[in-house]
Every structure is written in structure tokens, then in C-alpha cells.
C-alpha atoms as a PDB file:
ATOM      1  CA  MET A   1      33.552  92.131  83.629  1.00  0.00           C
ATOM      2  CA  ALA A   2      29.845  92.634  83.118  1.00  0.00           C
ATOM      3  CA  ILE A   3      27.255  91.955  85.788  1.00  0.00           C
ATOM      4  CA  GLN A   4      24.036  90.386  84.240  1.00  0.00           C
ATOM      5  CA  ILE A   5      20.592  90.797  85.907  1.00  0.00           C
ATOM      6  CA  THR A   6      17.812  88.524  84.638  1.00  0.00           C
ATOM      7  CA  PHE A   7      14.316  89.180  85.939  1.00  0.00           C
ATOM      8  CA  LEU A   8      12.608  85.812  86.392  1.00  0.00           C
ATOM      9  CA  GLY A   9       9.622  87.184  88.197  1.00  0.00           C
ATOM     10  CA  THR A  10       8.262  90.746  88.695  1.00  0.00           C
ATOM     11  CA  SER A  11       4.896  90.456  90.318  1.00  0.00           C
ATOM     12  CA  THR A  12       3.651  90.959  93.892  1.00  0.00           C
ATOM     13  CA  THR A  13       1.600  88.588  96.063  1.00  0.00           C
ATOM     14  CA  VAL A  14      -0.733  87.529  93.222  1.00  0.00           C
ATOM     15  CA  PRO A  15       0.929  86.474  89.924  1.00  0.00           C
ATOM     16  CA  THR A  16      -0.583  87.380  86.550  1.00  0.00           C
ATOM     17  CA  ALA A  17      -0.549  85.868  83.159  1.00  0.00           C
ATOM     18  CA  GLU A  18       2.556  88.034  82.314  1.00  0.00           C
ATOM     19  CA  ARG A  19       4.269  88.335  85.634  1.00  0.00           C
ATOM     20  CA  ASN A  20       5.568  85.550  87.898  1.00  0.00           C
ATOM     21  CA  HIS A  21       6.313  85.844  91.616  1.00  0.00           C
ATOM     22  CA  THR A  22       9.543  87.725  92.525  1.00  0.00           C
ATOM     23  CA  SER A  23      12.871  86.256  91.647  1.00  0.00           C
ATOM     24  CA  ILE A  24      16.076  87.861  90.068  1.00  0.00           C
ATOM     25  CA  LEU A  25      19.272  86.128  88.949  1.00  0.00           C
ATOM     26  CA  LEU A  26      22.561  87.941  89.188  1.00  0.00           C
ATOM     27  CA  LYS A  27      25.307  86.480  87.085  1.00  0.00           C
ATOM     28  CA  TYR A  28      29.031  87.557  87.607  1.00  0.00           C
ATOM     29  CA  LYS A  29      31.949  85.352  86.389  1.00  0.00           C
ATOM     30  CA  ASP A  30      31.239  82.031  87.963  1.00  0.00           C
ATOM     31  CA  GLU A  31      28.660  83.202  90.393  1.00  0.00           C
ATOM     32  CA  ASN A  32      24.988  82.789  89.827  1.00  0.00           C
ATOM     33  CA  ILE A  33      23.148  84.455  92.790  1.00  0.00           C
ATOM     34  CA  LEU A  34      19.327  84.125  93.040  1.00  0.00           C
ATOM     35  CA  VAL A  35      17.622  86.982  94.828  1.00  0.00           C
ATOM     36  CA  ASP A  36      14.314  85.483  96.210  1.00  0.00           C
ATOM     37  CA  CYS A  37      12.512  82.420  94.855  1.00  0.00           C
ATOM     38  CA  GLY A  38       8.841  82.932  94.356  1.00  0.00           C
ATOM     39  CA  GLU A  39       6.513  80.178  93.300  1.00  0.00           C
ATOM     40  CA  GLY A  40       7.195  78.878  89.812  1.00  0.00           C
ATOM     41  CA  THR A  41      10.759  80.226  89.702  1.00  0.00           C
ATOM     42  CA  GLN A  42      12.177  76.817  88.572  1.00  0.00           C
ATOM     43  CA  ARG A  43       9.836  76.943  85.529  1.00  0.00           C
ATOM     44  CA  GLN A  44      11.052  80.474  84.836  1.00  0.00           C
ATOM     45  CA  PHE A  45      14.596  79.153  84.594  1.00  0.00           C
ATOM     46  CA  ARG A  46      13.357  76.719  81.898  1.00  0.00           C
ATOM     47  CA  LYS A  47      11.677  79.536  80.006  1.00  0.00           C
ATOM     48  CA  ALA A  48      14.710  81.669  80.181  1.00  0.00           C
ATOM     49  CA  LYS A  49      16.877  78.793  79.085  1.00  0.00           C
ATOM     50  CA  ILE A  50      19.061  78.954  82.163  1.00  0.00           C
ATOM     51  CA  ASN A  51      20.453  75.937  83.882  1.00  0.00           C
ATOM     52  CA  PRO A  52      19.460  76.093  87.610  1.00  0.00           C
ATOM     53  CA  CYS A  53      22.319  73.833  88.480  1.00  0.00           C
ATOM     54  CA  LYS A  54      24.641  76.673  87.945  1.00  0.00           C
ATOM     55  CA  LEU A  55      23.247  78.354  90.984  1.00  0.00           C
ATOM     56  CA  THR A  56      25.902  79.266  93.714  1.00  0.00           C
ATOM     57  CA  LYS A  57      23.873  81.202  96.222  1.00  0.00           C
ATOM     58  CA  ILE A  58      20.353  82.389  97.262  1.00  0.00           C
ATOM     59  CA  LEU A  59      19.714  85.596  98.934  1.00  0.00           C
ATOM     60  CA  ILE A  60      16.257  85.765 100.668  1.00  0.00           C
ATOM     61  CA  THR A  61      14.958  89.204 101.417  1.00  0.00           C
ATOM     62  CA  HIS A  62      12.036  87.971 103.641  1.00  0.00           C
ATOM     63  CA  TRP A  63       9.811  85.090 104.299  1.00  0.00           C
ATOM     64  CA  HIS A  64       6.612  86.159 102.758  1.00  0.00           C
ATOM     65  CA  GLY A  65       5.075  83.497 100.410  1.00  0.00           C
ATOM     66  CA  ASP A  66       5.547  85.310  97.123  1.00  0.00           C
ATOM     67  CA  HIS A  67       9.237  85.538  97.754  1.00  0.00           C
ATOM     68  CA  ILE A  68      10.059  81.923  98.958  1.00  0.00           C
ATOM     69  CA  LEU A  69       7.407  79.415  97.832  1.00  0.00           C
ATOM     70  CA  GLY A  70       9.555  78.313  94.812  1.00  0.00           C
ATOM     71  CA  LEU A  71      12.276  76.962  97.187  1.00  0.00           C
ATOM     72  CA  PRO A  72      10.976  73.403  97.812  1.00  0.00           C
ATOM     73  CA  GLY A  73      10.467  72.845  94.036  1.00  0.00           C
ATOM     74  CA  LEU A  74      13.797  74.305  93.249  1.00  0.00           C
ATOM     75  CA  PHE A  75      15.588  72.134  95.801  1.00  0.00           C
ATOM     76  CA  GLN A  76      13.939  69.025  94.250  1.00  0.00           C
ATOM     77  CA  THR A  77      14.790  70.104  90.694  1.00  0.00           C
ATOM     78  CA  LEU A  78      18.448  70.562  91.741  1.00  0.00           C
ATOM     79  CA  ALA A  79      18.511  67.237  93.469  1.00  0.00           C
ATOM     80  CA  PHE A  80      17.088  65.325  90.543  1.00  0.00           C
ATOM     81  CA  ASN A  81      19.588  66.926  88.207  1.00  0.00           C
ATOM     82  CA  LYS A  82      22.422  65.855  90.422  1.00  0.00           C
ATOM     83  CA  TYR A  83      23.437  69.273  91.762  1.00  0.00           C
ATOM     84  CA  SER A  84      26.935  68.696  93.169  1.00  0.00           C
ATOM     85  CA  LYS A  85      27.715  72.088  94.812  1.00  0.00           C
ATOM     86  CA  THR A  86      26.832  73.215  98.377  1.00  0.00           C
ATOM     87  CA  LEU A  87      24.035  75.728  97.862  1.00  0.00           C
ATOM     88  CA  GLU A  88      24.587  78.754 100.223  1.00  0.00           C
ATOM     89  CA  ILE A  89      21.412  80.427 101.371  1.00  0.00           C
ATOM     90  CA  TYR A  90      21.456  83.782 103.112  1.00  0.00           C
ATOM     91  CA  GLY A  91      18.566  85.625 104.724  1.00  0.00           C
ATOM     92  CA  PRO A  92      17.320  87.750 107.680  1.00  0.00           C
ATOM     93  CA  LYS A  93      16.665  86.498 111.180  1.00  0.00           C
ATOM     94  CA  GLY A  94      14.521  83.510 111.122  1.00  0.00           C
ATOM     95  CA  THR A  95      15.939  81.949 108.075  1.00  0.00           C
ATOM     96  CA  LYS A  96      17.520  78.973 109.657  1.00  0.00           C
ATOM     97  CA  LYS A  97      14.198  78.047 111.396  1.00  0.00           C
ATOM     98  CA  PHE A  98      12.205  78.476 108.173  1.00  0.00           C
ATOM     99  CA  ILE A  99      14.443  76.403 106.145  1.00  0.00           C
ATOM    100  CA  LYS A 100      14.125  73.561 108.608  1.00  0.00           C
ATOM    101  CA  GLU A 101      10.449  73.814 108.600  1.00  0.00           C
ATOM    102  CA  LEU A 102      10.393  73.565 104.847  1.00  0.00           C
ATOM    103  CA  PHE A 103      12.094  70.215 105.094  1.00  0.00           C
ATOM    104  CA  LYS A 104       9.558  69.122 107.787  1.00  0.00           C
ATOM    105  CA  ILE A 105       6.502  70.129 105.676  1.00  0.00           C
ATOM    106  CA  PHE A 106       7.520  68.650 102.359  1.00  0.00           C
ATOM    107  CA  VAL A 107       8.374  65.033 101.654  1.00  0.00           C
ATOM    108  CA  ILE A 108      11.771  65.467  99.999  1.00  0.00           C
ATOM    109  CA  LYS A 109      12.782  62.462  97.918  1.00  0.00           C
ATOM    110  CA  LYS A 110      16.348  63.542  97.358  1.00  0.00           C
ATOM    111  CA  LYS A 111      18.352  66.193  99.101  1.00  0.00           C
ATOM    112  CA  ILE A 112      21.085  68.563  98.071  1.00  0.00           C
ATOM    113  CA  LYS A 113      23.812  70.067 100.417  1.00  0.00           C
ATOM    114  CA  ILE A 114      22.938  73.401 101.725  1.00  0.00           C
ATOM    115  CA  LYS A 115      24.434  75.930 104.275  1.00  0.00           C
ATOM    116  CA  VAL A 116      22.225  78.598 105.795  1.00  0.00           C
ATOM    117  CA  TYR A 117      23.233  81.965 107.197  1.00  0.00           C
ATOM    118  CA  GLU A 118      21.289  84.757 108.872  1.00  0.00           C
ATOM    119  CA  VAL A 119      23.051  88.009 107.818  1.00  0.00           C
ATOM    120  CA  ASN A 120      23.256  91.609 108.627  1.00  0.00           C
ATOM    121  CA  GLY A 121      25.959  94.069 107.407  1.00  0.00           C
ATOM    122  CA  LYS A 122      28.863  92.995 105.087  1.00  0.00           C
ATOM    123  CA  PHE A 123      28.746  89.242 105.122  1.00  0.00           C
ATOM    124  CA  LEU A 124      30.514  87.992 102.076  1.00  0.00           C
ATOM    125  CA  LYS A 125      33.938  89.035 100.680  1.00  0.00           C
ATOM    126  CA  THR A 126      35.744  87.457  97.729  1.00  0.00           C
ATOM    127  CA  ALA A 127      38.658  88.679  95.688  1.00  0.00           C
ATOM    128  CA  ASP A 128      36.248  90.067  93.235  1.00  0.00           C
ATOM    129  CA  PHE A 129      33.151  91.412  95.144  1.00  0.00           C
ATOM    130  CA  GLU A 130      31.388  92.037  98.429  1.00  0.00           C
ATOM    131  CA  ILE A 131      27.749  91.478  99.449  1.00  0.00           C
ATOM    132  CA  SER A 132      26.114  93.422 102.260  1.00  0.00           C
ATOM    133  CA  ALA A 133      22.617  93.065 104.022  1.00  0.00           C
ATOM    134  CA  ILE A 134      20.799  96.048 105.370  1.00  0.00           C
ATOM    135  CA  PRO A 135      17.494  95.714 107.248  1.00  0.00           C
ATOM    136  CA  LEU A 136      14.425  97.324 105.713  1.00  0.00           C
ATOM    137  CA  GLU A 137      11.132  98.275 107.254  1.00  0.00           C
ATOM    138  CA  HIS A 138       8.450  95.757 106.297  1.00  0.00           C
ATOM    139  CA  SER A 139       5.967  93.704 108.180  1.00  0.00           C
ATOM    140  CA  CYS A 140       8.495  90.943 109.043  1.00  0.00           C
ATOM    141  CA  PRO A 141      12.246  90.912 109.265  1.00  0.00           C
ATOM    142  CA  THR A 142      13.483  91.921 105.846  1.00  0.00           C
ATOM    143  CA  ASN A 143      16.920  92.402 104.221  1.00  0.00           C
ATOM    144  CA  GLY A 144      17.870  94.583 101.328  1.00  0.00           C
ATOM    145  CA  TYR A 145      21.087  93.518  99.478  1.00  0.00           C
ATOM    146  CA  MET A 146      24.007  95.346  97.934  1.00  0.00           C
ATOM    147  CA  PHE A 147      26.376  93.686  95.509  1.00  0.00           C
ATOM    148  CA  GLU A 148      29.654  95.668  95.007  1.00  0.00           C
ATOM    149  CA  GLU A 149      32.347  94.559  92.569  1.00  0.00           C
ATOM    150  CA  LYS A 150      35.790  95.535  94.023  1.00  0.00           C
ATOM    151  CA  PRO A 151      37.838  98.159  91.911  1.00  0.00           C
ATOM    152  CA  LYS A 152      40.400  96.598  89.644  1.00  0.00           C
ATOM    153  CA  LEU A 153      43.769  97.596  88.390  1.00  0.00           C
ATOM    154  CA  ARG A 154      43.825  97.794  84.582  1.00  0.00           C
ATOM    155  CA  ILE A 155      46.729  98.169  82.182  1.00  0.00           C
ATOM    156  CA  ASN A 156      46.761 101.346  80.232  1.00  0.00           C
ATOM    157  CA  LYS A 157      46.948 100.056  76.564  1.00  0.00           C
ATOM    158  CA  GLU A 158      48.210 103.405  75.175  1.00  0.00           C
ATOM    159  CA  LYS A 159      51.207 103.467  77.509  1.00  0.00           C
ATOM    160  CA  LEU A 160      51.791  99.794  76.877  1.00  0.00           C
ATOM    161  CA  LYS A 161      52.052 100.291  73.099  1.00  0.00           C
ATOM    162  CA  LYS A 162      54.951 102.876  73.646  1.00  0.00           C
ATOM    163  CA  LEU A 163      57.010 100.404  75.748  1.00  0.00           C
ATOM    164  CA  LYS A 164      57.248  97.858  72.913  1.00  0.00           C
ATOM    165  CA  ILE A 165      57.255  94.877  75.331  1.00  0.00           C
ATOM    166  CA  SER A 166      58.279  91.527  73.726  1.00  0.00           C
ATOM    167  CA  GLN A 167      55.768  88.635  73.720  1.00  0.00           C
ATOM    168  CA  ASN A 168      57.723  86.740  76.340  1.00  0.00           C
ATOM    169  CA  ASP A 169      57.730  89.732  78.722  1.00  0.00           C
ATOM    170  CA  ARG A 170      53.987  90.223  78.263  1.00  0.00           C
ATOM    171  CA  LYS A 171      53.516  87.214  80.426  1.00  0.00           C
ATOM    172  CA  LYS A 172      54.675  89.340  83.308  1.00  0.00           C
ATOM    173  CA  LEU A 173      52.011  91.910  82.802  1.00  0.00           C
ATOM    174  CA  SER A 174      49.464  90.290  85.117  1.00  0.00           C
ATOM    175  CA  GLN A 175      51.863  91.096  88.027  1.00  0.00           C
ATOM    176  CA  LEU A 176      51.019  94.854  87.333  1.00  0.00           C
ATOM    177  CA  THR A 177      47.375  94.365  87.905  1.00  0.00           C
ATOM    178  CA  LYS A 178      48.212  92.948  91.316  1.00  0.00           C
ATOM    179  CA  GLY A 179      50.031  96.178  92.248  1.00  0.00           C
ATOM    180  CA  LYS A 180      53.596  94.560  91.791  1.00  0.00           C
ATOM    181  CA  SER A 181      56.502  95.967  89.631  1.00  0.00           C
ATOM    182  CA  ILE A 182      58.084  94.025  86.790  1.00  0.00           C
ATOM    183  CA  GLU A 183      61.434  94.252  85.077  1.00  0.00           C
ATOM    184  CA  VAL A 184      61.640  94.514  81.231  1.00  0.00           C
ATOM    185  CA  ASN A 185      64.850  94.947  79.342  1.00  0.00           C
ATOM    186  CA  GLY A 186      66.742  95.720  82.616  1.00  0.00           C
ATOM    187  CA  LYS A 187      64.240  98.442  83.509  1.00  0.00           C
ATOM    188  CA  THR A 188      61.867  98.263  86.376  1.00  0.00           C
ATOM    189  CA  ILE A 189      58.234  99.230  85.501  1.00  0.00           C
ATOM    190  CA  SER A 190      56.010  99.935  88.598  1.00  0.00           C
ATOM    191  CA  SER A 191      52.391  99.174  88.617  1.00  0.00           C
ATOM    192  CA  LYS A 192      51.351 102.726  89.230  1.00  0.00           C
ATOM    193  CA  ASP A 193      53.188 103.871  85.965  1.00  0.00           C
ATOM    194  CA  LEU A 194      51.265 101.628  83.624  1.00  0.00           C
ATOM    195  CA  THR A 195      47.958 100.842  85.390  1.00  0.00           C
ATOM    196  CA  TYR A 196      44.725 102.682  86.210  1.00  0.00           C
ATOM    197  CA  LYS A 197      42.006 101.920  88.698  1.00  0.00           C
ATOM    198  CA  GLN A 198      38.751 100.766  87.108  1.00  0.00           C
ATOM    199  CA  ALA A 199      35.743 101.957  89.004  1.00  0.00           C
ATOM    200  CA  SER A 200      33.745  99.372  90.845  1.00  0.00           C
ATOM    201  CA  LYS A 201      30.134  98.596  90.118  1.00  0.00           C
ATOM    202  CA  LYS A 202      27.304  98.404  92.507  1.00  0.00           C
ATOM    203  CA  ILE A 203      23.862  96.716  92.210  1.00  0.00           C
ATOM    204  CA  SER A 204      21.239  97.331  95.035  1.00  0.00           C
ATOM    205  CA  PHE A 205      18.137  95.270  95.678  1.00  0.00           C
ATOM    206  CA  VAL A 206      15.465  97.336  97.693  1.00  0.00           C
ATOM    207  CA  PHE A 207      12.407  94.971  97.930  1.00  0.00           C
ATOM    208  CA  ASP A 208       9.428  95.033 100.281  1.00  0.00           C
ATOM    209  CA  THR A 209       9.793  98.102 102.568  1.00  0.00           C
ATOM    210  CA  LYS A 210       8.186 101.293 103.360  1.00  0.00           C
ATOM    211  CA  LYS A 211      10.142 104.396 102.571  1.00  0.00           C
ATOM    212  CA  CYS A 212      13.000 104.586 105.030  1.00  0.00           C
ATOM    213  CA  ARG A 213      16.598 105.783 105.432  1.00  0.00           C
ATOM    214  CA  ASN A 214      18.145 102.319 104.878  1.00  0.00           C
ATOM    215  CA  ALA A 215      16.411 102.144 101.410  1.00  0.00           C
ATOM    216  CA  GLU A 216      18.329 105.291 100.411  1.00  0.00           C
ATOM    217  CA  LYS A 217      21.421 103.943 102.164  1.00  0.00           C
ATOM    218  CA  LEU A 218      21.219 100.691 100.035  1.00  0.00           C
ATOM    219  CA  ALA A 219      20.708 102.457  96.787  1.00  0.00           C
ATOM    220  CA  LYS A 220      23.339 105.093  97.420  1.00  0.00           C
ATOM    221  CA  ASP A 221      25.506 105.591  94.274  1.00  0.00           C
ATOM    222  CA  SER A 222      24.265 102.348  92.608  1.00  0.00           C
ATOM    223  CA  ASP A 223      25.046 101.715  89.029  1.00  0.00           C
ATOM    224  CA  LEU A 224      21.703  99.860  89.044  1.00  0.00           C
ATOM    225  CA  ALA A 225      19.079 100.153  91.827  1.00  0.00           C
ATOM    226  CA  ILE A 226      16.286  97.563  91.749  1.00  0.00           C
ATOM    227  CA  ILE A 227      13.466  98.883  93.769  1.00  0.00           C
ATOM    228  CA  GLU A 228       9.934  97.577  94.548  1.00  0.00           C
ATOM    229  CA  SER A 229       7.038  99.742  93.411  1.00  0.00           C
ATOM    230  CA  THR A 230       3.903  98.000  94.497  1.00  0.00           C
ATOM    231  CA  LEU A 231       1.604 100.972  94.267  1.00  0.00           C
ATOM    232  CA  ASP A 232       1.241 103.989  91.936  1.00  0.00           C
ATOM    233  CA  ASP A 233       1.029 107.024  94.065  1.00  0.00           C
ATOM    234  CA  ASN A 234      -1.319 105.822  96.849  1.00  0.00           C
ATOM    235  CA  GLU A 235       0.931 106.721  99.913  1.00  0.00           C
ATOM    236  CA  ARG A 236      -1.926 105.834 102.351  1.00  0.00           C
ATOM    237  CA  LEU A 237      -1.977 102.220 101.243  1.00  0.00           C
ATOM    238  CA  ALA A 238       1.826 102.164 100.961  1.00  0.00           C
ATOM    239  CA  LYS A 239       2.085 103.189 104.610  1.00  0.00           C
ATOM    240  CA  GLU A 240      -0.475 100.672 105.775  1.00  0.00           C
ATOM    241  CA  TYR A 241       1.129  97.786 103.895  1.00  0.00           C
ATOM    242  CA  LYS A 242       4.739  98.946 104.273  1.00  0.00           C
ATOM    243  CA  HIS A 243       5.422  99.136 100.645  1.00  0.00           C
ATOM    244  CA  LEU A 244       6.663 101.752  98.168  1.00  0.00           C
ATOM    245  CA  THR A 245       4.879 103.733  95.556  1.00  0.00           C
ATOM    246  CA  VAL A 246       6.335 104.391  92.137  1.00  0.00           C
ATOM    247  CA  THR A 247       6.900 108.063  93.149  1.00  0.00           C
ATOM    248  CA  GLN A 248       8.677 107.032  96.368  1.00  0.00           C
ATOM    249  CA  ALA A 249      11.024 104.592  94.532  1.00  0.00           C
ATOM    250  CA  ALA A 250      11.892 107.352  91.993  1.00  0.00           C
ATOM    251  CA  GLN A 251      12.538 109.803  94.793  1.00  0.00           C
ATOM    252  CA  ILE A 252      14.836 107.264  96.573  1.00  0.00           C
ATOM    253  CA  ALA A 253      16.747 106.784  93.253  1.00  0.00           C
ATOM    254  CA  LYS A 254      17.166 110.574  92.773  1.00  0.00           C
ATOM    255  CA  LYS A 255      18.286 111.212  96.274  1.00  0.00           C
ATOM    256  CA  ALA A 256      20.629 108.304  96.320  1.00  0.00           C
ATOM    257  CA  ASN A 257      22.371 109.451  93.040  1.00  0.00           C
ATOM    258  CA  VAL A 258      21.752 106.181  91.314  1.00  0.00           C
ATOM    259  CA  LYS A 259      22.651 105.752  87.566  1.00  0.00           C
ATOM    260  CA  LYS A 260      19.755 103.597  86.552  1.00  0.00           C
ATOM    261  CA  LEU A 261      16.517 102.550  88.285  1.00  0.00           C
ATOM    262  CA  VAL A 262      14.537  99.459  87.506  1.00  0.00           C
ATOM    263  CA  LEU A 263      11.063  99.123  89.078  1.00  0.00           C
ATOM    264  CA  THR A 264       9.705  95.678  90.039  1.00  0.00           C
ATOM    265  CA  HIS A 265       7.198  93.999  92.248  1.00  0.00           C
ATOM    266  CA  ILE A 266       4.259  95.271  90.139  1.00  0.00           C
ATOM    267  CA  SER A 267       0.784  94.683  91.539  1.00  0.00           C
ATOM    268  CA  GLN A 268      -1.809  92.950  89.468  1.00  0.00           C
ATOM    269  CA  ARG A 269      -3.975  95.959  89.603  1.00  0.00           C
ATOM    270  CA  TYR A 270      -1.501  97.616  87.197  1.00  0.00           C
ATOM    271  CA  GLU A 271      -1.615  94.734  84.553  1.00  0.00           C
ATOM    272  CA  ASN A 272      -1.175  96.447  81.192  1.00  0.00           C
ATOM    273  CA  LYS A 273      -0.321  99.729  82.755  1.00  0.00           C
ATOM    274  CA  SER A 274       3.503  99.458  83.000  1.00  0.00           C
ATOM    275  CA  LYS A 275       3.981 102.492  80.752  1.00  0.00           C
ATOM    276  CA  ARG A 276       1.923 104.726  82.913  1.00  0.00           C
ATOM    277  CA  LEU A 277       3.973 103.696  85.922  1.00  0.00           C
ATOM    278  CA  GLU A 278       7.197 104.205  84.180  1.00  0.00           C
ATOM    279  CA  ASN A 279       6.105 107.614  82.967  1.00  0.00           C
ATOM    280  CA  MET A 280       5.181 108.600  86.581  1.00  0.00           C
ATOM    281  CA  ALA A 281       8.644 107.581  87.703  1.00  0.00           C
ATOM    282  CA  LYS A 282      10.472 109.360  84.835  1.00  0.00           C
ATOM    283  CA  LYS A 283       8.953 112.660  85.893  1.00  0.00           C
ATOM    284  CA  ILE A 284      11.183 112.426  88.984  1.00  0.00           C
ATOM    285  CA  PHE A 285      14.027 110.179  87.767  1.00  0.00           C
ATOM    286  CA  LYS A 286      14.481 110.048  84.085  1.00  0.00           C
ATOM    287  CA  ASN A 287      16.592 106.818  83.642  1.00  0.00           C
ATOM    288  CA  THR A 288      13.868 104.502  84.781  1.00  0.00           C
ATOM    289  CA  ASN A 289      12.468 101.254  83.392  1.00  0.00           C
ATOM    290  CA  VAL A 290       9.608  98.959  84.664  1.00  0.00           C
ATOM    291  CA  ALA A 291      10.879  95.386  84.505  1.00  0.00           C
ATOM    292  CA  LYS A 292       9.037  92.569  82.711  1.00  0.00           C
ATOM    293  CA  ASP A 293       9.621  88.880  83.241  1.00  0.00           C
ATOM    294  CA  PHE A 294      12.849  87.808  81.389  1.00  0.00           C
ATOM    295  CA  ASP A 295      14.151  91.300  80.925  1.00  0.00           C
ATOM    296  CA  VAL A 296      18.002  91.271  81.056  1.00  0.00           C
ATOM    297  CA  PHE A 297      20.139  94.178  82.043  1.00  0.00           C
ATOM    298  CA  GLU A 298      23.947  94.304  81.938  1.00  0.00           C
ATOM    299  CA  ILE A 299      26.174  96.630  84.047  1.00  0.00           C
END
């Protein structure tokens, strides 16, 4: 099953004419998981022709304005569109307090049901995937996130052809993918004889942070690593503001053995210079793209 990533916003603190504040949507089966919600995110949903009422979860990396100021407007949009689910919100330490403060500051005409969790480590497990939070080193409590699809048993179609299983018996095949044996024409077929394990997929989100060990830990062996690159190669400023340079992001991807790197959180100072940033990164890690608003990647 494909994991679809849509970049709704790719800018930093100050948006530009081409880049909205940070927000990324991960779609997998029935899950629509929003990672951060910068100002204007609800309008980005409209422009991308995505229904925000399909949202199931929000992951907040940290509570700087360019990552969360879209929340009040999004809550109102959901309420006025009769959002019927309970929206699960996950974030670092302080998230419960800040959500309460949001509802105190804004006069909310209608409310939706929400549940708020402060998370660290592996915090969500389903039959299909797991999500973990790992703390990063920024100027306030910050989480990076890791989405991992669980490995699946798949039926080997070439072996299946040789067995000449009837249409009625084919209904039993789903049991094999659960690791169980089935009986066909008086013969027992074990799961291990007809299935193989499909490799899991991993997406990592490494937002606002200075270069640190946990950034590499998050990105480790990712099929797709989405890493902030606020600065070009100015390591002095990166250290001062606790952000990453393009070079540092590429170094993390290379050391972490990722398959694909997408750079985001692009400063306004590099407006119309995305290609230069991309070329800088490719000198270190070839399979790199600089994200634009509304780019879509499938893994």
C-alpha cells in the first residue's frame, strides 16, 4: 500500500508568495495525518483539493508560530463542516497546556472533539503501522516523528499458479497472510510455503533542530527522510538558531543510509534559489529534492 506525502507548506518563519508555513499531510489507507499546521494550512487544503474532514491525527513538532498558527482556523473549518470524528493531537511536552490556551484566546463558535497527548518514544501502534517521537535539539521542546509501516506477508503469485487452486478455495488464501495454514484438496499448505515478507516502509520527519545524534537516529534507514534545511551552508547561523544547513541535512541522510531525501523549511532568503540548494545537497547525497508547496511523493 502506497504512503502518500503532500507538502502543504514548505517555508520557515516568514511565508513567501510561493511557500506557505510548514505543514505536511501523510495519507496511508484510511489515515490522514497532518504534521504541523502553520498559518494558512486550511487554505492549502482547498488549493490541493483535499477535504480536511478526512483528517484523523495531527502531529505537532513544536510550538513555534510558523508550525501551529493554522490550528484555530482549521478547528473552526472542521466544526463548520460537521467533522464527526475525534481528532487526535500529539506533540511534545507542553502541548496539552498550549491547546487549552488556544481555546481561551480564540472565541470558538463551534467545537470539535479532540484528544491531546504529549508523547515520547513509540506512542501509537496499529495492525498496519507504528509512529514514534524522538526529541530533537531546538530552542523549545521539539519532537521529530517516524512513521513505520509494519512488514506484511504477501502471497507468492508464481507458486500460487502452480497449485491450481479452485475459485472456492481461493477464499481461504487470506489466512496464509495471517501466518496460518490452509487445507486445499486434502493437502495442508503452510503459510511459509506460499508467502514472503514484504519489507516495511519508513518515513521520517526531522524538523527544526540543530545537527544532533537523534536527527540521525530518526532518519536511519528511511525510505523517505524529510529534513529541514533552513540555511545554505552558514553553520554559524545554524548553530545560533538551532537549525540545519542544506549540507548538514544531506550529511545526515548519507550517514543514516536513507533512500530519498526531501528538503523543506526553506528560508525566504532563498526564494527562487531552490535549484542551487538542491545542487549543494546532491554533492553529498544524490537522491535529493527540495520540496515545493503541493509537491506529492509516494513511497
